[in-house]
Amino acid sequence: MNNGDARAEIMRSIRTHLAMSAPYDGPEKPINTNPSKSPVQTAVPSVVELFKQNLEAVDGHCLVVYNEAELSEAVNRIVNGRRVATSDAPPATGDLFKYDVGITSAQAGIAETGTLVLDSSVERNRLVSLVPPVHIAILNASRIYRTLSDALTTLQSGEEVSPAITFITGPSRTADIELTLAIGVHGPQELYVIINQNN
């Protein structure tokens, strides 16, 4: 059998099988002919709810607050007397290892993955978000975008793109060759995101 014959045989087989599948084509579910009995519409979660669900799915913690007093109370509850480094006044790099908690703001959140976006041109937050064993990120609800594309479009809308953008999805995790999962090897063991609904 030459190439032309083989091709003709393959096409004949495809046409035969397509013809045999015709009775099965069509909608899988019956069409609703009675509009008064319309199917129940499922509510689409807000970007805040979606972000929270996806962050918690990767072992992050998410708290939603509605004013500055609730924000302060949430931070104090998490810190609970431990040593804190903040990104607006970070200690020297070597000293960061003496701190238990790092607090930063996040410039954006990606709802579809529960990912934080930290932009180094806005604040010096990279090491504060990576070195202490607990990272607290404060994120304004208005800065949560549904997709990565939406977040990147917003970040690029400025005059120039930051030289360093950090994406964080949950606590640091890695696995060895035997697939044994380890948390906190290359970054924080715990991630808390506090979403401020007031902004």
N, C-alpha and C. Protein backbone atom coordinates (compact mmCIF):
# COMPACT_ATOMS: atom_id res chain seq x y z
N MET A 1 0.86 -1.18 0.00
CA MET A 1 0.00 0.00 0.00
C MET A 1 0.90 1.24 0.00
N ASN A 2 0.72 2.13 -1.03
CA ASN A 2 1.54 3.34 -1.07
C ASN A 2 0.91 4.43 -0.21
N ASN A 3 1.61 5.58 -0.15
CA ASN A 3 1.15 6.67 0.72
C ASN A 3 -0.24 7.17 0.33
N GLY A 4 -0.51 7.26 -0.99
CA GLY A 4 -1.82 7.73 -1.45
C GLY A 4 -2.93 6.79 -1.02
N ASP A 5 -2.68 5.47 -1.12
CA ASP A 5 -3.69 4.49 -0.71
C ASP A 5 -3.92 4.54 0.80
N ALA A 6 -2.85 4.67 1.55
CA ALA A 6 -2.96 4.73 3.02
C ALA A 6 -3.78 5.95 3.44
N ARG A 7 -3.50 7.09 2.79
CA ARG A 7 -4.24 8.30 3.13
C ARG A 7 -5.72 8.15 2.79
N ALA A 8 -6.00 7.58 1.64
CA ALA A 8 -7.40 7.38 1.23
C ALA A 8 -8.12 6.47 2.21
N GLU A 9 -7.43 5.42 2.69
CA GLU A 9 -8.02 4.49 3.65
C GLU A 9 -8.32 5.19 4.98
N ILE A 10 -7.40 6.03 5.44
CA ILE A 10 -7.60 6.77 6.70
C ILE A 10 -8.80 7.71 6.57
N MET A 11 -8.90 8.44 5.45
CA MET A 11 -10.01 9.37 5.26
C MET A 11 -11.35 8.63 5.17
N ARG A 12 -11.35 7.46 4.49
CA ARG A 12 -12.57 6.66 4.40
C ARG A 12 -13.01 6.21 5.79
N SER A 13 -12.05 5.79 6.62
CA SER A 13 -12.35 5.35 7.98
C SER A 13 -12.93 6.49 8.82
N ILE A 14 -12.35 7.68 8.67
CA ILE A 14 -12.84 8.85 9.42
C ILE A 14 -14.28 9.16 9.00
N ARG A 15 -14.56 9.16 7.68
CA ARG A 15 -15.92 9.47 7.22
C ARG A 15 -16.93 8.44 7.74
N THR A 16 -16.54 7.17 7.72
CA THR A 16 -17.43 6.11 8.20
C THR A 16 -17.76 6.30 9.67
N HIS A 17 -16.74 6.57 10.47
CA HIS A 17 -16.97 6.73 11.91
C HIS A 17 -17.74 8.01 12.24
N LEU A 18 -17.51 9.06 11.47
CA LEU A 18 -18.29 10.28 11.67
C LEU A 18 -19.77 10.04 11.38
N ALA A 19 -20.04 9.29 10.31
CA ALA A 19 -21.43 8.98 9.97
C ALA A 19 -22.08 8.14 11.05
N MET A 20 -21.32 7.22 11.65
CA MET A 20 -21.87 6.37 12.70
C MET A 20 -22.17 7.16 13.98
N SER A 21 -21.45 8.29 14.18
CA SER A 21 -21.65 9.04 15.42
C SER A 21 -22.80 10.04 15.33
N ALA A 22 -23.37 10.22 14.15
CA ALA A 22 -24.44 11.21 13.96
C ALA A 22 -25.60 11.05 14.95
N PRO A 23 -26.09 9.83 15.25
CA PRO A 23 -27.21 9.72 16.20
C PRO A 23 -26.86 10.20 17.61
N TYR A 24 -25.56 10.27 17.93
CA TYR A 24 -25.16 10.67 19.28
C TYR A 24 -24.83 12.15 19.39
N ASP A 25 -24.77 12.83 18.24
CA ASP A 25 -24.49 14.26 18.26
C ASP A 25 -25.70 15.00 18.79
N GLY A 26 -25.47 16.18 19.32
CA GLY A 26 -26.57 16.98 19.82
C GLY A 26 -26.38 17.28 21.30
N PRO A 27 -27.31 18.00 21.89
CA PRO A 27 -27.16 18.39 23.29
C PRO A 27 -27.19 17.19 24.23
N GLU A 28 -26.33 17.25 25.23
CA GLU A 28 -26.28 16.17 26.22
C GLU A 28 -27.43 16.27 27.20
N LYS A 29 -27.89 17.50 27.45
CA LYS A 29 -28.99 17.70 28.40
C LYS A 29 -30.23 18.10 27.62
N PRO A 30 -31.40 17.70 28.07
CA PRO A 30 -32.62 18.10 27.36
C PRO A 30 -32.81 19.60 27.40
N ILE A 31 -33.35 20.13 26.32
CA ILE A 31 -33.60 21.56 26.24
C ILE A 31 -34.84 21.88 27.06
N ASN A 32 -34.76 22.94 27.85
CA ASN A 32 -35.87 23.36 28.68
C ASN A 32 -36.91 24.07 27.81
N THR A 33 -38.04 23.43 27.58
CA THR A 33 -39.09 24.02 26.74
C THR A 33 -40.10 24.81 27.56
N ASN A 34 -39.97 24.75 28.89
CA ASN A 34 -40.89 25.48 29.76
C ASN A 34 -40.12 26.59 30.47
N PRO A 35 -40.18 27.84 29.97
CA PRO A 35 -39.39 28.92 30.57
C PRO A 35 -39.72 29.19 32.03
N SER A 36 -40.93 28.82 32.49
CA SER A 36 -41.28 29.06 33.89
C SER A 36 -40.48 28.15 34.82
N LYS A 37 -39.91 27.08 34.28
CA LYS A 37 -39.11 26.16 35.08
C LYS A 37 -37.65 26.25 34.65
N SER A 38 -37.12 27.47 34.65
CA SER A 38 -35.73 27.66 34.22
C SER A 38 -34.78 27.08 35.25
N PRO A 39 -33.62 26.57 34.80
CA PRO A 39 -32.67 25.99 35.74
C PRO A 39 -32.16 27.05 36.71
N VAL A 40 -31.76 26.62 37.89
CA VAL A 40 -31.26 27.53 38.91
C VAL A 40 -29.93 28.10 38.46
N GLN A 41 -29.82 29.41 38.51
CA GLN A 41 -28.56 30.06 38.14
C GLN A 41 -27.62 30.02 39.34
N THR A 42 -26.39 29.54 39.10
CA THR A 42 -25.42 29.53 40.19
C THR A 42 -24.73 30.88 40.24
N ALA A 43 -24.57 31.41 41.43
CA ALA A 43 -23.96 32.72 41.59
C ALA A 43 -22.47 32.65 41.28
N VAL A 44 -21.99 33.61 40.54
CA VAL A 44 -20.56 33.69 40.24
C VAL A 44 -19.89 34.35 41.45
N PRO A 45 -18.86 33.70 42.02
CA PRO A 45 -18.24 34.29 43.19
C PRO A 45 -17.53 35.60 42.84
N SER A 46 -17.52 36.52 43.80
CA SER A 46 -16.80 37.78 43.59
C SER A 46 -15.31 37.48 43.53
N VAL A 47 -14.54 38.45 43.06
CA VAL A 47 -13.09 38.23 42.98
C VAL A 47 -12.49 38.04 44.37
N VAL A 48 -13.06 38.69 45.38
CA VAL A 48 -12.55 38.51 46.75
C VAL A 48 -12.82 37.08 47.22
N GLU A 49 -14.04 36.59 47.00
CA GLU A 49 -14.37 35.21 47.41
C GLU A 49 -13.52 34.19 46.66
N LEU A 50 -13.33 34.42 45.36
CA LEU A 50 -12.53 33.51 44.54
C LEU A 50 -11.08 33.52 44.98
N PHE A 51 -10.53 34.70 45.25
CA PHE A 51 -9.16 34.81 45.74
C PHE A 51 -9.00 34.04 47.05
N LYS A 52 -9.94 34.25 47.98
CA LYS A 52 -9.89 33.60 49.29
C LYS A 52 -9.94 32.07 49.14
N GLN A 53 -10.85 31.57 48.32
CA GLN A 53 -10.97 30.12 48.10
C GLN A 53 -9.68 29.54 47.55
N ASN A 54 -9.10 30.19 46.55
CA ASN A 54 -7.91 29.66 45.91
C ASN A 54 -6.67 29.80 46.78
N LEU A 55 -6.59 30.85 47.58
CA LEU A 55 -5.46 30.98 48.51
C LEU A 55 -5.53 29.89 49.58
N GLU A 56 -6.72 29.68 50.13
CA GLU A 56 -6.86 28.66 51.18
C GLU A 56 -6.67 27.25 50.63
N ALA A 57 -6.90 27.06 49.33
CA ALA A 57 -6.68 25.75 48.70
C ALA A 57 -5.20 25.38 48.66
N VAL A 58 -4.31 26.38 48.75
CA VAL A 58 -2.87 26.11 48.77
C VAL A 58 -2.27 26.39 50.15
N ASP A 59 -3.10 26.26 51.19
CA ASP A 59 -2.69 26.37 52.59
C ASP A 59 -2.34 27.78 53.05
N GLY A 60 -2.81 28.80 52.33
CA GLY A 60 -2.67 30.16 52.82
C GLY A 60 -3.85 30.49 53.73
N HIS A 61 -3.72 31.55 54.49
CA HIS A 61 -4.80 32.01 55.37
C HIS A 61 -5.29 33.36 54.83
N CYS A 62 -6.59 33.56 54.83
CA CYS A 62 -7.14 34.81 54.31
C CYS A 62 -8.17 35.37 55.28
N LEU A 63 -7.99 36.62 55.63
CA LEU A 63 -8.94 37.32 56.49
C LEU A 63 -9.47 38.54 55.73
N VAL A 64 -10.76 38.78 55.83
CA VAL A 64 -11.36 39.94 55.17
C VAL A 64 -11.79 40.90 56.26
N VAL A 65 -11.33 42.16 56.16
CA VAL A 65 -11.68 43.18 57.15
C VAL A 65 -12.37 44.34 56.44
N TYR A 66 -13.06 45.16 57.23
CA TYR A 66 -13.88 46.21 56.63
C TYR A 66 -13.51 47.62 57.07
N ASN A 67 -12.54 47.75 57.96
CA ASN A 67 -12.08 49.08 58.36
C ASN A 67 -10.69 48.97 58.99
N GLU A 68 -10.10 50.11 59.28
CA GLU A 68 -8.73 50.14 59.82
C GLU A 68 -8.64 49.48 61.20
N ALA A 69 -9.68 49.63 62.01
CA ALA A 69 -9.65 49.01 63.35
C ALA A 69 -9.61 47.49 63.23
N GLU A 70 -10.43 46.92 62.34
CA GLU A 70 -10.41 45.47 62.14
C GLU A 70 -9.08 45.01 61.55
N LEU A 71 -8.49 45.83 60.67
CA LEU A 71 -7.19 45.51 60.09
C LEU A 71 -6.12 45.44 61.17
N SER A 72 -6.10 46.45 62.03
CA SER A 72 -5.13 46.49 63.12
C SER A 72 -5.31 45.31 64.07
N GLU A 73 -6.55 44.99 64.38
CA GLU A 73 -6.84 43.87 65.28
C GLU A 73 -6.38 42.54 64.66
N ALA A 74 -6.62 42.37 63.36
CA ALA A 74 -6.21 41.14 62.68
C ALA A 74 -4.69 40.98 62.69
N VAL A 75 -3.97 42.07 62.41
CA VAL A 75 -2.50 42.02 62.41
C VAL A 75 -2.00 41.68 63.81
N ASN A 76 -2.53 42.33 64.83
CA ASN A 76 -2.10 42.07 66.21
C ASN A 76 -2.37 40.63 66.63
N ARG A 77 -3.49 40.08 66.19
CA ARG A 77 -3.83 38.71 66.54
C ARG A 77 -2.82 37.72 65.92
N ILE A 78 -2.41 37.98 64.67
CA ILE A 78 -1.45 37.10 64.01
C ILE A 78 -0.06 37.27 64.60
N VAL A 79 0.36 38.52 64.82
CA VAL A 79 1.70 38.80 65.33
C VAL A 79 1.87 38.23 66.73
N ASN A 80 0.91 38.51 67.61
CA ASN A 80 0.89 37.94 68.95
C ASN A 80 2.22 38.09 69.70
N GLY A 81 2.77 39.29 69.66
CA GLY A 81 3.98 39.58 70.44
C GLY A 81 5.30 39.18 69.78
N ARG A 82 5.28 38.62 68.59
CA ARG A 82 6.54 38.21 67.93
C ARG A 82 7.23 39.42 67.30
N ARG A 83 8.51 39.26 66.98
CA ARG A 83 9.29 40.35 66.37
C ARG A 83 8.85 40.54 64.92
N VAL A 84 8.62 41.82 64.55
CA VAL A 84 8.05 42.13 63.24
C VAL A 84 8.98 43.03 62.42
N ALA A 85 9.15 42.66 61.14
CA ALA A 85 9.84 43.51 60.17
C ALA A 85 8.81 43.99 59.16
N THR A 86 8.88 45.27 58.80
CA THR A 86 7.93 45.81 57.83
C THR A 86 8.67 46.29 56.59
N SER A 87 7.98 46.25 55.47
CA SER A 87 8.63 46.61 54.21
C SER A 87 8.83 48.11 54.04
N ASP A 88 8.08 48.92 54.80
CA ASP A 88 8.28 50.36 54.66
C ASP A 88 9.52 50.84 55.40
N ALA A 89 10.03 50.04 56.33
CA ALA A 89 11.28 50.35 57.03
C ALA A 89 12.01 49.05 57.34
N PRO A 90 12.48 48.35 56.27
CA PRO A 90 13.08 47.03 56.51
C PRO A 90 14.41 47.13 57.22
N PRO A 91 14.72 46.16 58.11
CA PRO A 91 16.03 46.14 58.76
C PRO A 91 17.09 45.72 57.76
N ALA A 92 18.35 45.78 58.17
CA ALA A 92 19.45 45.32 57.31
C ALA A 92 19.22 43.85 56.95
N THR A 93 19.71 43.46 55.79
CA THR A 93 19.45 42.11 55.28
C THR A 93 19.79 41.02 56.28
N GLY A 94 20.97 41.09 56.89
CA GLY A 94 21.37 40.06 57.86
C GLY A 94 20.47 40.02 59.07
N ASP A 95 19.96 41.17 59.47
CA ASP A 95 19.09 41.24 60.66
C ASP A 95 17.72 40.64 60.42
N LEU A 96 17.31 40.51 59.16
CA LEU A 96 15.98 39.97 58.87
C LEU A 96 15.79 38.57 59.43
N PHE A 97 16.87 37.82 59.56
CA PHE A 97 16.77 36.46 60.07
C PHE A 97 16.42 36.43 61.56
N LYS A 98 16.46 37.57 62.23
CA LYS A 98 16.10 37.64 63.66
C LYS A 98 14.61 37.91 63.85
N TYR A 99 13.88 38.14 62.77
CA TYR A 99 12.47 38.50 62.87
C TYR A 99 11.59 37.29 62.60
N ASP A 100 10.45 37.26 63.29
CA ASP A 100 9.50 36.14 63.17
C ASP A 100 8.44 36.39 62.09
N VAL A 101 8.10 37.65 61.88
CA VAL A 101 7.00 38.01 60.99
C VAL A 101 7.45 39.14 60.07
N GLY A 102 7.13 39.02 58.79
CA GLY A 102 7.35 40.11 57.84
C GLY A 102 6.00 40.61 57.35
N ILE A 103 5.83 41.94 57.38
CA ILE A 103 4.56 42.53 56.93
C ILE A 103 4.83 43.40 55.70
N THR A 104 4.08 43.13 54.63
CA THR A 104 4.18 43.93 53.41
C THR A 104 2.77 44.27 52.94
N SER A 105 2.71 45.18 52.00
CA SER A 105 1.46 45.33 51.27
C SER A 105 1.63 44.56 49.97
N ALA A 106 0.53 44.30 49.29
CA ALA A 106 0.59 43.66 47.98
C ALA A 106 -0.02 44.63 46.98
N GLN A 107 0.60 44.74 45.82
CA GLN A 107 0.12 45.70 44.84
C GLN A 107 -1.02 45.14 44.00
N ALA A 108 -1.17 43.81 44.01
CA ALA A 108 -2.29 43.21 43.28
C ALA A 108 -2.50 41.79 43.79
N GLY A 109 -3.69 41.26 43.51
CA GLY A 109 -4.00 39.86 43.79
C GLY A 109 -4.64 39.26 42.56
N ILE A 110 -4.40 37.97 42.33
CA ILE A 110 -4.97 37.27 41.18
C ILE A 110 -5.95 36.24 41.70
N ALA A 111 -7.23 36.47 41.47
CA ALA A 111 -8.29 35.65 42.06
C ALA A 111 -8.25 34.20 41.58
N GLU A 112 -7.97 33.97 40.29
CA GLU A 112 -8.06 32.62 39.75
C GLU A 112 -7.04 31.65 40.34
N THR A 113 -5.98 32.18 40.97
CA THR A 113 -4.96 31.31 41.57
C THR A 113 -4.68 31.63 43.04
N GLY A 114 -5.27 32.70 43.58
CA GLY A 114 -4.96 33.09 44.95
C GLY A 114 -3.54 33.61 45.09
N THR A 115 -3.06 34.28 44.05
CA THR A 115 -1.67 34.74 44.00
C THR A 115 -1.54 36.21 44.36
N LEU A 116 -0.50 36.53 45.13
CA LEU A 116 -0.16 37.92 45.44
C LEU A 116 0.84 38.43 44.42
N VAL A 117 0.77 39.72 44.12
CA VAL A 117 1.75 40.35 43.24
C VAL A 117 2.39 41.49 44.03
N LEU A 118 3.72 41.40 44.23
CA LEU A 118 4.46 42.42 44.95
C LEU A 118 5.39 43.11 43.97
N ASP A 119 5.30 44.42 43.90
CA ASP A 119 6.06 45.22 42.95
C ASP A 119 7.17 45.95 43.71
N SER A 120 8.43 45.66 43.35
CA SER A 120 9.57 46.23 44.08
C SER A 120 9.72 47.73 43.88
N SER A 121 9.11 48.29 42.84
CA SER A 121 9.23 49.73 42.63
C SER A 121 8.35 50.51 43.59
N VAL A 122 7.38 49.84 44.22
CA VAL A 122 6.46 50.52 45.13
C VAL A 122 7.02 50.53 46.55
N GLU A 123 7.58 49.41 46.98
CA GLU A 123 8.19 49.35 48.30
C GLU A 123 9.26 48.27 48.34
N ARG A 124 10.12 48.34 49.31
CA ARG A 124 11.21 47.36 49.42
C ARG A 124 10.70 46.14 50.16
N ASN A 125 9.94 45.29 49.47
CA ASN A 125 9.25 44.22 50.17
C ASN A 125 9.77 42.83 49.88
N ARG A 126 10.69 42.66 48.95
CA ARG A 126 11.06 41.31 48.52
C ARG A 126 11.59 40.47 49.67
N LEU A 127 12.63 40.93 50.37
CA LEU A 127 13.21 40.11 51.43
C LEU A 127 12.30 40.01 52.65
N VAL A 128 11.57 41.07 52.95
CA VAL A 128 10.65 41.03 54.09
C VAL A 128 9.57 39.98 53.86
N SER A 129 9.23 39.74 52.58
CA SER A 129 8.21 38.73 52.27
C SER A 129 8.79 37.32 52.20
N LEU A 130 10.11 37.19 52.16
CA LEU A 130 10.73 35.88 51.96
C LEU A 130 11.47 35.32 53.16
N VAL A 131 12.08 36.17 53.98
CA VAL A 131 12.99 35.68 55.03
C VAL A 131 12.27 35.27 56.32
N PRO A 132 11.45 36.11 56.94
CA PRO A 132 10.80 35.68 58.18
C PRO A 132 9.89 34.46 57.95
N PRO A 133 9.73 33.61 58.94
CA PRO A 133 8.91 32.40 58.76
C PRO A 133 7.41 32.65 58.58
N VAL A 134 6.94 33.85 58.92
CA VAL A 134 5.53 34.20 58.71
C VAL A 134 5.47 35.48 57.88
N HIS A 135 4.68 35.45 56.83
CA HIS A 135 4.49 36.63 55.98
C HIS A 135 3.03 37.07 56.07
N ILE A 136 2.83 38.34 56.40
CA ILE A 136 1.50 38.94 56.38
C ILE A 136 1.47 39.94 55.23
N ALA A 137 0.54 39.77 54.31
CA ALA A 137 0.39 40.71 53.20
C ALA A 137 -0.96 41.40 53.32
N ILE A 138 -0.94 42.71 53.18
CA ILE A 138 -2.17 43.49 53.24
C ILE A 138 -2.54 43.88 51.82
N LEU A 139 -3.75 43.53 51.42
CA LEU A 139 -4.19 43.70 50.03
C LEU A 139 -5.53 44.41 50.00
N ASN A 140 -5.60 45.47 49.23
CA ASN A 140 -6.87 46.18 49.06
C ASN A 140 -7.78 45.39 48.11
N ALA A 141 -9.03 45.24 48.48
CA ALA A 141 -9.98 44.48 47.67
C ALA A 141 -10.08 45.03 46.25
N SER A 142 -9.93 46.33 46.09
CA SER A 142 -10.03 46.95 44.76
C SER A 142 -8.86 46.58 43.86
N ARG A 143 -7.81 45.96 44.43
CA ARG A 143 -6.63 45.60 43.66
C ARG A 143 -6.60 44.10 43.34
N ILE A 144 -7.72 43.42 43.53
CA ILE A 144 -7.80 42.00 43.18
C ILE A 144 -8.39 41.89 41.78
N TYR A 145 -7.68 41.19 40.92
CA TYR A 145 -8.10 41.01 39.53
C TYR A 145 -8.44 39.55 39.30
N ARG A 146 -9.35 39.30 38.37
CA ARG A 146 -9.79 37.93 38.15
C ARG A 146 -8.68 37.06 37.56
N THR A 147 -7.89 37.58 36.63
CA THR A 147 -6.90 36.76 35.94
C THR A 147 -5.51 37.38 36.01
N LEU A 148 -4.50 36.58 35.69
CA LEU A 148 -3.13 37.06 35.60
C LEU A 148 -3.02 38.14 34.54
N SER A 149 -3.69 37.94 33.42
CA SER A 149 -3.65 38.91 32.33
C SER A 149 -4.16 40.28 32.79
N ASP A 150 -5.27 40.29 33.55
CA ASP A 150 -5.82 41.55 34.06
C ASP A 150 -4.82 42.25 34.98
N ALA A 151 -4.18 41.48 35.85
CA ALA A 151 -3.21 42.06 36.80
C ALA A 151 -2.01 42.63 36.06
N LEU A 152 -1.48 41.89 35.09
CA LEU A 152 -0.31 42.36 34.34
C LEU A 152 -0.63 43.60 33.52
N THR A 153 -1.82 43.64 32.95
CA THR A 153 -2.23 44.82 32.18
C THR A 153 -2.23 46.06 33.07
N THR A 154 -2.73 45.90 34.29
CA THR A 154 -2.75 47.03 35.23
C THR A 154 -1.34 47.44 35.62
N LEU A 155 -0.46 46.46 35.90
CA LEU A 155 0.91 46.79 36.29
C LEU A 155 1.66 47.48 35.15
N GLN A 156 1.36 47.13 33.91
CA GLN A 156 2.06 47.72 32.77
C GLN A 156 1.47 49.06 32.35
N SER A 157 0.39 49.47 32.97
CA SER A 157 -0.25 50.72 32.58
C SER A 157 0.54 51.93 33.07
N GLY A 158 1.50 51.72 33.98
CA GLY A 158 2.34 52.82 34.44
C GLY A 158 3.35 53.21 33.37
N GLU A 159 4.23 54.15 33.71
CA GLU A 159 5.20 54.63 32.74
C GLU A 159 6.24 53.55 32.42
N GLU A 160 6.62 52.76 33.41
CA GLU A 160 7.59 51.71 33.16
C GLU A 160 7.27 50.49 34.02
N VAL A 161 7.70 49.33 33.55
CA VAL A 161 7.47 48.10 34.28
C VAL A 161 8.56 47.95 35.33
N SER A 162 8.18 47.52 36.52
CA SER A 162 9.14 47.35 37.61
C SER A 162 10.22 46.33 37.22
N PRO A 163 11.45 46.54 37.69
CA PRO A 163 12.51 45.56 37.39
C PRO A 163 12.34 44.24 38.14
N ALA A 164 11.55 44.23 39.20
CA ALA A 164 11.34 42.99 39.96
C ALA A 164 9.91 42.92 40.47
N ILE A 165 9.18 41.92 39.97
CA ILE A 165 7.82 41.67 40.44
C ILE A 165 7.81 40.26 41.02
N THR A 166 7.32 40.12 42.24
CA THR A 166 7.29 38.82 42.92
C THR A 166 5.86 38.30 42.94
N PHE A 167 5.69 37.04 42.52
CA PHE A 167 4.39 36.37 42.58
C PHE A 167 4.45 35.35 43.70
N ILE A 168 3.48 35.39 44.61
CA ILE A 168 3.46 34.48 45.76
C ILE A 168 2.11 33.77 45.80
N THR A 169 2.17 32.45 45.76
CA THR A 169 0.94 31.65 45.87
C THR A 169 1.10 30.69 47.03
N GLY A 170 0.57 31.04 48.18
CA GLY A 170 0.65 30.19 49.37
C GLY A 170 2.01 30.20 50.02
N PRO A 171 2.18 29.43 51.10
CA PRO A 171 3.47 29.32 51.77
C PRO A 171 4.49 28.67 50.85
N SER A 172 5.77 28.89 51.15
CA SER A 172 6.83 28.25 50.37
C SER A 172 6.72 26.74 50.49
N ARG A 173 6.87 26.05 49.36
CA ARG A 173 6.80 24.59 49.39
C ARG A 173 7.75 24.03 48.35
N THR A 174 8.29 22.87 48.65
CA THR A 174 9.13 22.16 47.70
C THR A 174 9.01 20.67 47.97
N ALA A 175 9.43 19.86 47.01
CA ALA A 175 9.37 18.41 47.19
C ALA A 175 10.69 17.82 46.70
N ASP A 176 11.18 16.79 47.40
CA ASP A 176 12.41 16.14 46.97
C ASP A 176 12.10 15.11 45.89
N ILE A 177 13.11 14.36 45.50
CA ILE A 177 12.94 13.40 44.41
C ILE A 177 11.94 12.30 44.74
N GLU A 178 11.72 12.06 46.04
CA GLU A 178 10.74 11.06 46.46
C GLU A 178 9.36 11.68 46.66
N LEU A 179 9.21 12.95 46.25
CA LEU A 179 7.95 13.69 46.34
C LEU A 179 7.48 13.92 47.77
N THR A 180 8.43 14.01 48.70
CA THR A 180 8.10 14.36 50.07
C THR A 180 7.99 15.87 50.15
N LEU A 181 6.80 16.37 50.47
CA LEU A 181 6.56 17.81 50.49
C LEU A 181 7.13 18.43 51.75
N ALA A 182 7.84 19.55 51.58
CA ALA A 182 8.38 20.31 52.71
C ALA A 182 7.87 21.75 52.59
N ILE A 183 7.41 22.29 53.69
CA ILE A 183 6.88 23.66 53.73
C ILE A 183 7.90 24.58 54.37
N GLY A 184 8.10 25.76 53.78
CA GLY A 184 8.95 26.78 54.39
C GLY A 184 10.43 26.63 54.17
N VAL A 185 10.85 25.88 53.16
CA VAL A 185 12.29 25.71 52.92
C VAL A 185 12.89 26.94 52.26
N HIS A 186 12.23 27.46 51.26
CA HIS A 186 12.75 28.59 50.50
C HIS A 186 12.00 29.90 50.78
N GLY A 187 11.24 29.93 51.82
CA GLY A 187 10.46 31.12 52.14
C GLY A 187 9.59 30.84 53.35
N PRO A 188 8.61 31.69 53.60
CA PRO A 188 7.78 31.57 54.81
C PRO A 188 7.02 30.24 54.91
N GLN A 189 6.88 29.79 56.15
CA GLN A 189 6.09 28.59 56.43
C GLN A 189 4.61 28.91 56.46
N GLU A 190 4.29 30.16 56.75
CA GLU A 190 2.88 30.58 56.84
C GLU A 190 2.68 31.87 56.07
N LEU A 191 1.56 31.95 55.36
CA LEU A 191 1.20 33.17 54.64
C LEU A 191 -0.20 33.58 55.07
N TYR A 192 -0.32 34.82 55.52
CA TYR A 192 -1.61 35.40 55.86
C TYR A 192 -1.86 36.57 54.92
N VAL A 193 -3.01 36.59 54.29
CA VAL A 193 -3.40 37.74 53.47
C VAL A 193 -4.60 38.39 54.13
N ILE A 194 -4.47 39.66 54.42
CA ILE A 194 -5.58 40.42 55.00
C ILE A 194 -6.13 41.33 53.90
N ILE A 195 -7.36 41.05 53.50
CA ILE A 195 -7.99 41.84 52.45
C ILE A 195 -8.80 42.95 53.09
N ASN A 196 -8.47 44.18 52.71
CA ASN A 196 -9.19 45.33 53.23
C ASN A 196 -10.30 45.71 52.26
N GLN A 197 -11.53 45.42 52.64
CA GLN A 197 -12.68 45.70 51.77
C GLN A 197 -12.98 47.18 51.67
N ASN A 198 -12.39 47.97 52.55
CA ASN A 198 -12.65 49.39 52.59
C ASN A 198 -11.88 50.14 51.50
N ASN A 199 -10.97 49.47 50.84
CA ASN A 199 -10.13 50.12 49.79
C ASN A 199 -10.17 49.32 48.52
